[in-house]
Amino acid sequence: MNQDANTNPFTQIGLIARSHGLKGELKVLFENEDPIALEELNMVYLRNERGDYFPARVREIRCQEKGNKFSFFVQFEHIADRASAEALRNRGIFLETEKAEEFLTAYEPEDSVLNYDVYDSNNQHFGIITDILENLAQDTLVIAGKSGTILVPFVDQFVVSIDDENEAVICQNLDLLEGL
């Protein structure tokens, strides 16, 4: 590995959110949410209390889809119980910088609804999606409409359907969000 003295040899690709279950499984938030790219991860790096990187072999990555969001659960070979998993809470997951750049750029969401028109359940034009805010609970659509900007959770209660061919999103219950 030929590294410049000022270049960090590792780049963060994820964050351990919390432990999951009793056998050391961890819920991880990855920068790349493409399950296919994640399948290729077999060795990552973690950091100890002193900040030193150490290799961690991935035993299994399990993907769970809930609504419009993926959750990822990782089992490392050296973590066998909940206490060991809890010790890694809020720690970063790293790859060698060269591999990390490939990993991070491999995910370009094809199903992005950015700049799609938004229609209400009566097929009336409501606005245009100008941004998508990603957070732990669910993504949030930022919609610029006639009466200003509105934030709409990207969940079934509000998003009825997505029409990629016409670049349109059909929403319902938008009146519940006005004035918030």
N, C-alpha and C. Protein backbone atom coordinates (compact mmCIF):
# COMPACT_ATOMS: atom_id res chain seq x y z
N MET A 1 0.85 -1.17 0.00
CA MET A 1 0.00 0.00 0.00
C MET A 1 0.89 1.23 0.00
N ASN A 2 0.88 1.99 -1.08
CA ASN A 2 1.70 3.17 -1.22
C ASN A 2 0.87 4.38 -0.85
N GLN A 3 1.08 4.93 0.34
CA GLN A 3 0.27 6.03 0.85
C GLN A 3 1.12 7.27 1.07
N ASP A 4 0.59 8.42 0.73
CA ASP A 4 1.21 9.69 1.05
C ASP A 4 1.13 9.85 2.57
N ALA A 5 2.10 10.50 3.16
CA ALA A 5 2.16 10.64 4.62
C ALA A 5 0.94 11.37 5.18
N ASN A 6 0.34 12.26 4.39
CA ASN A 6 -0.80 13.04 4.89
C ASN A 6 -2.15 12.41 4.54
N THR A 7 -2.13 11.29 3.84
CA THR A 7 -3.37 10.64 3.43
C THR A 7 -3.75 9.57 4.44
N ASN A 8 -5.01 9.61 4.89
CA ASN A 8 -5.49 8.59 5.81
C ASN A 8 -5.65 7.29 5.03
N PRO A 9 -5.07 6.20 5.51
CA PRO A 9 -5.17 4.94 4.77
C PRO A 9 -6.56 4.31 4.84
N PHE A 10 -7.44 4.83 5.72
CA PHE A 10 -8.78 4.25 5.87
C PHE A 10 -9.84 5.34 5.74
N THR A 11 -11.00 4.93 5.19
CA THR A 11 -12.13 5.84 5.03
C THR A 11 -13.36 5.18 5.64
N GLN A 12 -14.14 5.97 6.37
CA GLN A 12 -15.34 5.44 7.02
C GLN A 12 -16.41 5.16 5.98
N ILE A 13 -17.01 3.95 6.07
CA ILE A 13 -18.08 3.56 5.14
C ILE A 13 -19.39 3.27 5.87
N GLY A 14 -19.36 3.32 7.21
CA GLY A 14 -20.56 3.03 7.97
C GLY A 14 -20.38 3.36 9.43
N LEU A 15 -21.48 3.22 10.17
CA LEU A 15 -21.49 3.50 11.60
C LEU A 15 -22.31 2.42 12.30
N ILE A 16 -21.76 1.89 13.37
CA ILE A 16 -22.48 0.89 14.16
C ILE A 16 -23.48 1.63 15.03
N ALA A 17 -24.75 1.40 14.79
CA ALA A 17 -25.81 2.12 15.50
C ALA A 17 -26.08 1.51 16.88
N ARG A 18 -26.20 0.17 16.91
CA ARG A 18 -26.54 -0.48 18.18
C ARG A 18 -26.38 -1.98 18.03
N SER A 19 -26.45 -2.67 19.16
CA SER A 19 -26.45 -4.13 19.11
C SER A 19 -27.86 -4.61 18.79
N HIS A 20 -27.94 -5.84 18.31
CA HIS A 20 -29.24 -6.40 17.94
C HIS A 20 -29.23 -7.87 18.34
N GLY A 21 -30.05 -8.22 19.29
CA GLY A 21 -30.11 -9.61 19.74
C GLY A 21 -29.03 -9.94 20.75
N LEU A 22 -28.94 -11.22 21.08
CA LEU A 22 -28.03 -11.68 22.14
C LEU A 22 -26.73 -12.27 21.61
N LYS A 23 -26.63 -12.50 20.31
CA LYS A 23 -25.47 -13.22 19.76
C LYS A 23 -24.44 -12.31 19.10
N GLY A 24 -24.47 -11.01 19.41
CA GLY A 24 -23.44 -10.11 18.92
C GLY A 24 -23.71 -9.46 17.58
N GLU A 25 -24.93 -9.59 17.09
CA GLU A 25 -25.26 -8.95 15.82
C GLU A 25 -25.37 -7.45 16.03
N LEU A 26 -25.00 -6.66 15.01
CA LEU A 26 -24.98 -5.21 15.11
C LEU A 26 -25.82 -4.58 14.01
N LYS A 27 -26.59 -3.56 14.35
CA LYS A 27 -27.29 -2.78 13.33
C LYS A 27 -26.31 -1.73 12.85
N VAL A 28 -26.11 -1.68 11.53
CA VAL A 28 -25.11 -0.79 10.95
C VAL A 28 -25.76 0.12 9.92
N LEU A 29 -25.38 1.39 9.95
CA LEU A 29 -25.81 2.36 8.95
C LEU A 29 -24.66 2.52 7.97
N PHE A 30 -24.87 2.09 6.73
CA PHE A 30 -23.82 2.16 5.72
C PHE A 30 -24.04 3.38 4.83
N GLU A 31 -22.95 3.94 4.33
CA GLU A 31 -23.02 5.04 3.36
C GLU A 31 -23.56 4.53 2.03
N ASN A 32 -23.27 3.30 1.70
CA ASN A 32 -23.76 2.66 0.47
C ASN A 32 -24.82 1.64 0.89
N GLU A 33 -26.05 1.88 0.48
CA GLU A 33 -27.14 1.00 0.89
C GLU A 33 -27.51 -0.02 -0.18
N ASP A 34 -26.58 -0.32 -1.06
CA ASP A 34 -26.82 -1.31 -2.10
C ASP A 34 -26.51 -2.69 -1.54
N PRO A 35 -27.52 -3.53 -1.33
CA PRO A 35 -27.27 -4.86 -0.75
C PRO A 35 -26.26 -5.69 -1.55
N ILE A 36 -26.20 -5.51 -2.86
CA ILE A 36 -25.26 -6.28 -3.68
C ILE A 36 -23.82 -5.87 -3.36
N ALA A 37 -23.57 -4.57 -3.24
CA ALA A 37 -22.22 -4.10 -2.89
C ALA A 37 -21.83 -4.57 -1.50
N LEU A 38 -22.80 -4.62 -0.59
CA LEU A 38 -22.50 -5.04 0.79
C LEU A 38 -22.16 -6.52 0.87
N GLU A 39 -22.71 -7.32 -0.05
CA GLU A 39 -22.41 -8.76 -0.06
C GLU A 39 -20.92 -9.03 -0.26
N GLU A 40 -20.24 -8.11 -0.91
CA GLU A 40 -18.82 -8.29 -1.21
C GLU A 40 -17.91 -7.94 -0.04
N LEU A 41 -18.47 -7.35 1.00
CA LEU A 41 -17.64 -6.99 2.16
C LEU A 41 -17.34 -8.24 2.98
N ASN A 42 -16.09 -8.59 3.09
CA ASN A 42 -15.73 -9.72 3.95
C ASN A 42 -14.71 -9.33 5.00
N MET A 43 -14.03 -8.19 4.80
CA MET A 43 -13.08 -7.70 5.79
C MET A 43 -13.20 -6.18 5.85
N VAL A 44 -13.43 -5.66 7.04
CA VAL A 44 -13.49 -4.23 7.27
C VAL A 44 -12.53 -3.91 8.42
N TYR A 45 -12.47 -2.64 8.78
CA TYR A 45 -11.62 -2.24 9.89
C TYR A 45 -12.45 -1.47 10.90
N LEU A 46 -12.16 -1.72 12.16
CA LEU A 46 -12.78 -1.00 13.27
C LEU A 46 -11.67 -0.26 13.99
N ARG A 47 -12.03 0.61 14.94
CA ARG A 47 -11.02 1.33 15.73
C ARG A 47 -11.21 1.01 17.19
N ASN A 48 -10.10 0.84 17.88
CA ASN A 48 -10.16 0.61 19.32
C ASN A 48 -10.18 1.94 20.06
N GLU A 49 -10.17 1.90 21.38
CA GLU A 49 -10.26 3.10 22.21
C GLU A 49 -9.12 4.08 21.94
N ARG A 50 -7.94 3.56 21.57
CA ARG A 50 -6.78 4.42 21.30
C ARG A 50 -6.83 5.03 19.90
N GLY A 51 -7.75 4.56 19.07
CA GLY A 51 -7.85 5.07 17.71
C GLY A 51 -7.11 4.23 16.69
N ASP A 52 -6.57 3.09 17.13
CA ASP A 52 -5.87 2.20 16.21
C ASP A 52 -6.88 1.38 15.41
N TYR A 53 -6.59 1.19 14.12
CA TYR A 53 -7.44 0.37 13.27
C TYR A 53 -7.07 -1.10 13.44
N PHE A 54 -8.10 -1.95 13.45
CA PHE A 54 -7.84 -3.39 13.48
C PHE A 54 -8.83 -4.09 12.55
N PRO A 55 -8.38 -5.17 11.91
CA PRO A 55 -9.26 -5.86 10.96
C PRO A 55 -10.38 -6.63 11.66
N ALA A 56 -11.53 -6.66 11.02
CA ALA A 56 -12.68 -7.41 11.54
C ALA A 56 -13.28 -8.18 10.37
N ARG A 57 -13.29 -9.49 10.48
CA ARG A 57 -13.84 -10.34 9.42
C ARG A 57 -15.36 -10.40 9.57
N VAL A 58 -16.05 -10.15 8.46
CA VAL A 58 -17.51 -10.17 8.44
C VAL A 58 -17.97 -11.61 8.25
N ARG A 59 -18.75 -12.11 9.18
CA ARG A 59 -19.31 -13.45 9.05
C ARG A 59 -20.57 -13.41 8.20
N GLU A 60 -21.41 -12.39 8.43
CA GLU A 60 -22.69 -12.31 7.71
C GLU A 60 -23.19 -10.88 7.72
N ILE A 61 -23.80 -10.45 6.60
CA ILE A 61 -24.54 -9.20 6.54
C ILE A 61 -25.95 -9.56 6.12
N ARG A 62 -26.89 -9.18 6.96
CA ARG A 62 -28.30 -9.48 6.71
C ARG A 62 -29.01 -8.17 6.41
N CYS A 63 -29.81 -8.18 5.35
CA CYS A 63 -30.55 -7.00 4.94
C CYS A 63 -32.03 -7.22 5.23
N GLN A 64 -32.65 -6.22 5.83
CA GLN A 64 -34.09 -6.30 6.12
C GLN A 64 -34.74 -5.05 5.56
N GLU A 65 -35.76 -5.24 4.73
CA GLU A 65 -36.47 -4.10 4.15
C GLU A 65 -37.75 -3.85 4.93
N LYS A 66 -37.94 -2.60 5.31
CA LYS A 66 -39.14 -2.21 6.03
C LYS A 66 -39.64 -0.92 5.39
N GLY A 67 -40.79 -1.01 4.72
CA GLY A 67 -41.30 0.16 4.00
C GLY A 67 -40.36 0.51 2.85
N ASN A 68 -39.89 1.74 2.84
CA ASN A 68 -38.97 2.20 1.79
C ASN A 68 -37.53 2.23 2.27
N LYS A 69 -37.24 1.60 3.39
CA LYS A 69 -35.92 1.71 4.02
C LYS A 69 -35.31 0.34 4.26
N PHE A 70 -34.00 0.24 4.06
CA PHE A 70 -33.27 -0.98 4.36
C PHE A 70 -32.60 -0.84 5.71
N SER A 71 -32.55 -1.94 6.45
CA SER A 71 -31.76 -2.03 7.67
C SER A 71 -30.75 -3.13 7.46
N PHE A 72 -29.53 -2.90 7.95
CA PHE A 72 -28.45 -3.87 7.78
C PHE A 72 -27.95 -4.34 9.13
N PHE A 73 -27.82 -5.65 9.25
CA PHE A 73 -27.35 -6.27 10.48
C PHE A 73 -26.09 -7.06 10.16
N VAL A 74 -25.02 -6.80 10.90
CA VAL A 74 -23.72 -7.40 10.63
C VAL A 74 -23.31 -8.27 11.80
N GLN A 75 -22.78 -9.43 11.47
CA GLN A 75 -22.20 -10.33 12.47
C GLN A 75 -20.72 -10.45 12.15
N PHE A 76 -19.87 -10.04 13.09
CA PHE A 76 -18.42 -10.19 12.94
C PHE A 76 -18.00 -11.48 13.59
N GLU A 77 -16.92 -12.07 13.08
CA GLU A 77 -16.44 -13.35 13.62
C GLU A 77 -15.99 -13.23 15.07
N HIS A 78 -15.42 -12.12 15.46
CA HIS A 78 -14.87 -12.00 16.81
C HIS A 78 -15.87 -11.47 17.84
N ILE A 79 -17.10 -11.20 17.43
CA ILE A 79 -18.13 -10.70 18.34
C ILE A 79 -19.18 -11.79 18.51
N ALA A 80 -19.31 -12.33 19.74
CA ALA A 80 -20.18 -13.48 19.94
C ALA A 80 -21.30 -13.24 20.94
N ASP A 81 -21.31 -12.05 21.58
CA ASP A 81 -22.35 -11.80 22.57
C ASP A 81 -22.75 -10.33 22.58
N ARG A 82 -23.84 -10.06 23.25
CA ARG A 82 -24.39 -8.70 23.28
C ARG A 82 -23.44 -7.70 23.93
N ALA A 83 -22.77 -8.10 24.99
CA ALA A 83 -21.86 -7.19 25.70
C ALA A 83 -20.73 -6.74 24.78
N SER A 84 -20.15 -7.66 24.02
CA SER A 84 -19.08 -7.31 23.08
C SER A 84 -19.62 -6.38 21.98
N ALA A 85 -20.83 -6.65 21.55
CA ALA A 85 -21.45 -5.81 20.53
C ALA A 85 -21.73 -4.41 21.06
N GLU A 86 -22.23 -4.30 22.26
CA GLU A 86 -22.51 -3.00 22.87
C GLU A 86 -21.26 -2.13 22.96
N ALA A 87 -20.11 -2.76 23.16
CA ALA A 87 -18.85 -2.02 23.26
C ALA A 87 -18.49 -1.32 21.95
N LEU A 88 -19.10 -1.74 20.85
CA LEU A 88 -18.81 -1.14 19.53
C LEU A 88 -19.83 -0.08 19.12
N ARG A 89 -20.80 0.18 19.95
CA ARG A 89 -21.86 1.14 19.63
C ARG A 89 -21.26 2.51 19.28
N ASN A 90 -21.81 3.11 18.22
CA ASN A 90 -21.40 4.44 17.74
C ASN A 90 -19.97 4.48 17.22
N ARG A 91 -19.43 3.35 16.83
CA ARG A 91 -18.08 3.31 16.25
C ARG A 91 -18.19 3.21 14.73
N GLY A 92 -17.21 3.74 14.07
CA GLY A 92 -17.18 3.70 12.61
C GLY A 92 -16.72 2.36 12.08
N ILE A 93 -17.11 2.08 10.85
CA ILE A 93 -16.63 0.92 10.10
C ILE A 93 -15.85 1.49 8.92
N PHE A 94 -14.66 0.97 8.68
CA PHE A 94 -13.75 1.54 7.71
C PHE A 94 -13.30 0.51 6.68
N LEU A 95 -12.91 1.02 5.51
CA LEU A 95 -12.24 0.23 4.48
C LEU A 95 -10.96 0.99 4.11
N GLU A 96 -10.02 0.28 3.51
CA GLU A 96 -8.86 0.96 2.97
C GLU A 96 -9.37 2.00 1.98
N THR A 97 -8.77 3.19 1.97
CA THR A 97 -9.29 4.32 1.22
C THR A 97 -9.57 3.99 -0.25
N GLU A 98 -8.67 3.29 -0.90
CA GLU A 98 -8.87 2.94 -2.30
C GLU A 98 -10.12 2.08 -2.49
N LYS A 99 -10.29 1.08 -1.65
CA LYS A 99 -11.48 0.22 -1.73
C LYS A 99 -12.74 0.98 -1.32
N ALA A 100 -12.60 1.88 -0.36
CA ALA A 100 -13.75 2.65 0.11
C ALA A 100 -14.30 3.54 -1.00
N GLU A 101 -13.42 4.15 -1.78
CA GLU A 101 -13.89 5.01 -2.87
C GLU A 101 -14.71 4.22 -3.88
N GLU A 102 -14.26 3.01 -4.20
CA GLU A 102 -15.03 2.14 -5.10
C GLU A 102 -16.36 1.77 -4.48
N PHE A 103 -16.33 1.41 -3.21
CA PHE A 103 -17.53 0.99 -2.49
C PHE A 103 -18.55 2.13 -2.42
N LEU A 104 -18.10 3.33 -2.09
CA LEU A 104 -19.01 4.45 -1.90
C LEU A 104 -19.61 4.95 -3.21
N THR A 105 -18.86 4.87 -4.30
CA THR A 105 -19.37 5.36 -5.58
C THR A 105 -20.18 4.30 -6.33
N ALA A 106 -20.15 3.07 -5.85
CA ALA A 106 -20.89 2.00 -6.52
C ALA A 106 -22.39 2.18 -6.37
N TYR A 107 -22.83 2.94 -5.38
CA TYR A 107 -24.26 3.08 -5.11
C TYR A 107 -24.77 4.41 -5.62
N GLU A 108 -25.48 4.36 -6.69
CA GLU A 108 -26.20 5.51 -7.20
C GLU A 108 -27.65 5.09 -7.29
N PRO A 109 -28.50 5.60 -6.42
CA PRO A 109 -29.88 5.13 -6.43
C PRO A 109 -30.58 5.41 -7.76
N GLU A 110 -31.02 4.33 -8.40
CA GLU A 110 -31.72 4.46 -9.66
C GLU A 110 -33.15 4.95 -9.44
N ASP A 111 -33.67 4.68 -8.29
CA ASP A 111 -35.07 4.98 -8.04
C ASP A 111 -35.26 6.34 -7.36
N SER A 112 -34.33 7.25 -7.57
CA SER A 112 -34.44 8.56 -6.95
C SER A 112 -35.64 9.30 -7.53
N VAL A 113 -36.39 9.92 -6.66
CA VAL A 113 -37.57 10.67 -7.08
C VAL A 113 -37.30 12.18 -7.10
N LEU A 114 -36.04 12.54 -7.02
CA LEU A 114 -35.65 13.95 -7.05
C LEU A 114 -36.14 14.59 -8.35
N ASN A 115 -36.74 15.75 -8.23
CA ASN A 115 -37.30 16.53 -9.34
C ASN A 115 -38.56 15.93 -9.94
N TYR A 116 -39.15 14.92 -9.29
CA TYR A 116 -40.43 14.38 -9.75
C TYR A 116 -41.55 15.35 -9.37
N ASP A 117 -42.60 15.37 -10.18
CA ASP A 117 -43.81 16.13 -9.84
C ASP A 117 -44.58 15.37 -8.79
N VAL A 118 -45.25 16.10 -7.90
CA VAL A 118 -46.06 15.49 -6.86
C VAL A 118 -47.52 15.86 -7.08
N TYR A 119 -48.36 14.82 -7.03
CA TYR A 119 -49.81 15.02 -7.19
C TYR A 119 -50.50 14.48 -5.96
N ASP A 120 -51.60 15.14 -5.58
CA ASP A 120 -52.37 14.63 -4.45
C ASP A 120 -53.31 13.53 -4.91
N SER A 121 -54.07 12.97 -4.00
CA SER A 121 -54.94 11.83 -4.34
C SER A 121 -56.07 12.21 -5.29
N ASN A 122 -56.32 13.53 -5.49
CA ASN A 122 -57.32 13.99 -6.46
C ASN A 122 -56.68 14.33 -7.80
N ASN A 123 -55.41 13.92 -7.99
CA ASN A 123 -54.64 14.15 -9.21
C ASN A 123 -54.39 15.63 -9.49
N GLN A 124 -54.36 16.44 -8.43
CA GLN A 124 -54.03 17.86 -8.55
C GLN A 124 -52.53 18.03 -8.30
N HIS A 125 -51.88 18.83 -9.16
CA HIS A 125 -50.44 19.06 -9.00
C HIS A 125 -50.20 19.77 -7.68
N PHE A 126 -49.31 19.22 -6.87
CA PHE A 126 -49.04 19.76 -5.54
C PHE A 126 -47.70 20.50 -5.50
N GLY A 127 -46.70 19.98 -6.25
CA GLY A 127 -45.38 20.61 -6.24
C GLY A 127 -44.34 19.71 -6.87
N ILE A 128 -43.07 20.03 -6.58
CA ILE A 128 -41.94 19.29 -7.13
C ILE A 128 -41.00 18.90 -5.98
N ILE A 129 -40.47 17.68 -6.04
CA ILE A 129 -39.53 17.22 -5.01
C ILE A 129 -38.18 17.86 -5.28
N THR A 130 -37.72 18.68 -4.36
CA THR A 130 -36.46 19.41 -4.54
C THR A 130 -35.30 18.79 -3.78
N ASP A 131 -35.60 17.94 -2.81
CA ASP A 131 -34.54 17.30 -2.03
C ASP A 131 -35.12 16.08 -1.33
N ILE A 132 -34.23 15.17 -0.93
CA ILE A 132 -34.62 14.01 -0.14
C ILE A 132 -33.70 13.98 1.07
N LEU A 133 -34.27 14.13 2.24
CA LEU A 133 -33.50 14.11 3.48
C LEU A 133 -33.46 12.68 4.01
N GLU A 134 -32.27 12.19 4.24
CA GLU A 134 -32.13 10.83 4.76
C GLU A 134 -31.91 10.90 6.26
N ASN A 135 -32.69 10.13 7.01
CA ASN A 135 -32.47 10.04 8.45
C ASN A 135 -32.77 8.62 8.92
N LEU A 136 -32.58 8.37 10.19
CA LEU A 136 -32.71 7.01 10.71
C LEU A 136 -34.12 6.46 10.63
N ALA A 137 -35.11 7.28 10.90
CA ALA A 137 -36.49 6.78 10.92
C ALA A 137 -36.99 6.47 9.52
N GLN A 138 -36.91 7.45 8.62
CA GLN A 138 -37.31 7.27 7.23
C GLN A 138 -36.82 8.47 6.44
N ASP A 139 -36.77 8.33 5.12
CA ASP A 139 -36.42 9.46 4.28
C ASP A 139 -37.57 10.45 4.30
N THR A 140 -37.25 11.71 4.04
CA THR A 140 -38.25 12.76 4.02
C THR A 140 -38.14 13.50 2.70
N LEU A 141 -39.26 13.65 2.00
CA LEU A 141 -39.29 14.39 0.74
C LEU A 141 -39.46 15.87 1.02
N VAL A 142 -38.65 16.70 0.39
CA VAL A 142 -38.80 18.15 0.48
C VAL A 142 -39.52 18.56 -0.80
N ILE A 143 -40.75 19.07 -0.63
CA ILE A 143 -41.59 19.39 -1.79
C ILE A 143 -41.84 20.89 -1.83
N ALA A 144 -41.44 21.51 -2.95
CA ALA A 144 -41.73 22.93 -3.17
C ALA A 144 -43.08 23.01 -3.86
N GLY A 145 -44.04 23.63 -3.16
CA GLY A 145 -45.40 23.71 -3.69
C GLY A 145 -45.90 25.12 -3.77
N LYS A 146 -47.17 25.25 -4.08
CA LYS A 146 -47.80 26.57 -4.24
C LYS A 146 -47.73 27.40 -2.97
N SER A 147 -47.89 26.74 -1.83
CA SER A 147 -47.93 27.48 -0.56
C SER A 147 -46.61 27.39 0.21
N GLY A 148 -45.51 27.10 -0.49
CA GLY A 148 -44.20 27.03 0.17
C GLY A 148 -43.65 25.62 0.16
N THR A 149 -42.69 25.40 1.04
CA THR A 149 -42.03 24.10 1.12
C THR A 149 -42.67 23.27 2.22
N ILE A 150 -42.86 21.99 1.92
CA ILE A 150 -43.44 21.07 2.89
C ILE A 150 -42.55 19.82 2.97
N LEU A 151 -42.41 19.28 4.17
CA LEU A 151 -41.65 18.05 4.38
C LEU A 151 -42.64 16.90 4.50
N VAL A 152 -42.43 15.87 3.67
CA VAL A 152 -43.35 14.73 3.65
C VAL A 152 -42.56 13.46 3.93
N PRO A 153 -42.88 12.75 5.02
CA PRO A 153 -42.20 11.48 5.29
C PRO A 153 -42.43 10.50 4.14
N PHE A 154 -41.38 9.83 3.73
CA PHE A 154 -41.44 8.88 2.61
C PHE A 154 -41.93 7.54 3.15
N VAL A 155 -43.22 7.51 3.54
CA VAL A 155 -43.84 6.31 4.10
C VAL A 155 -45.19 6.10 3.42
N ASP A 156 -45.73 4.90 3.56
CA ASP A 156 -46.98 4.53 2.89
C ASP A 156 -48.16 5.41 3.28
N GLN A 157 -48.14 5.97 4.48
CA GLN A 157 -49.25 6.82 4.92
C GLN A 157 -49.38 8.06 4.03
N PHE A 158 -48.27 8.51 3.44
CA PHE A 158 -48.29 9.72 2.61
C PHE A 158 -47.98 9.45 1.13
N VAL A 159 -47.09 8.51 0.83
CA VAL A 159 -46.70 8.23 -0.55
C VAL A 159 -47.48 7.00 -1.03
N VAL A 160 -48.38 7.22 -1.97
CA VAL A 160 -49.24 6.15 -2.48
C VAL A 160 -48.54 5.36 -3.56
N SER A 161 -47.95 6.06 -4.55
CA SER A 161 -47.30 5.36 -5.66
C SER A 161 -46.26 6.26 -6.30
N ILE A 162 -45.36 5.61 -7.03
CA ILE A 162 -44.32 6.31 -7.77
C ILE A 162 -44.43 5.87 -9.22
N ASP A 163 -44.53 6.83 -10.12
CA ASP A 163 -44.63 6.58 -11.56
C ASP A 163 -43.34 7.06 -12.20
N ASP A 164 -42.36 6.14 -12.35
CA ASP A 164 -41.06 6.52 -12.90
C ASP A 164 -41.16 6.96 -14.36
N GLU A 165 -42.08 6.36 -15.11
CA GLU A 165 -42.21 6.69 -16.53
C GLU A 165 -42.59 8.16 -16.73
N ASN A 166 -43.50 8.65 -15.88
CA ASN A 166 -43.96 10.04 -15.98
C ASN A 166 -43.29 10.94 -14.95
N GLU A 167 -42.33 10.39 -14.21
CA GLU A 167 -41.62 11.12 -13.15
C GLU A 167 -42.60 11.85 -12.23
N ALA A 168 -43.47 11.05 -11.64
CA ALA A 168 -44.50 11.60 -10.77
C ALA A 168 -44.65 10.74 -9.50
N VAL A 169 -45.00 11.41 -8.42
CA VAL A 169 -45.28 10.75 -7.15
C VAL A 169 -46.69 11.13 -6.73
N ILE A 170 -47.49 10.13 -6.39
CA ILE A 170 -48.86 10.38 -5.93
C ILE A 170 -48.85 10.28 -4.41
N CYS A 171 -49.35 11.33 -3.76
CA CYS A 171 -49.37 11.38 -2.30
C CYS A 171 -50.79 11.53 -1.79
N GLN A 172 -50.97 11.19 -0.54
CA GLN A 172 -52.26 11.34 0.14
C GLN A 172 -52.01 11.93 1.52
N ASN A 173 -53.06 12.39 2.16
CA ASN A 173 -53.02 12.91 3.53
C ASN A 173 -52.09 14.10 3.69
N LEU A 174 -51.82 14.83 2.63
CA LEU A 174 -50.92 15.98 2.69
C LEU A 174 -51.49 17.09 3.56
N ASP A 175 -52.82 17.16 3.66
CA ASP A 175 -53.45 18.17 4.51
C ASP A 175 -53.06 18.00 5.98
N LEU A 176 -52.68 16.78 6.38
CA LEU A 176 -52.26 16.55 7.76
C LEU A 176 -50.92 17.22 8.07
N LEU A 177 -50.16 17.52 7.04
CA LEU A 177 -48.82 18.08 7.22
C LEU A 177 -48.77 19.59 7.09
N GLU A 178 -49.81 20.19 6.53
CA GLU A 178 -49.81 21.64 6.35
C GLU A 178 -49.82 22.35 7.68
N GLY A 179 -48.99 23.39 7.76
CA GLY A 179 -48.92 24.18 8.97
C GLY A 179 -47.93 23.64 10.00
N LEU A 180 -47.25 22.55 9.71
CA LEU A 180 -46.26 22.01 10.65
C LEU A 180 -44.92 22.68 10.48
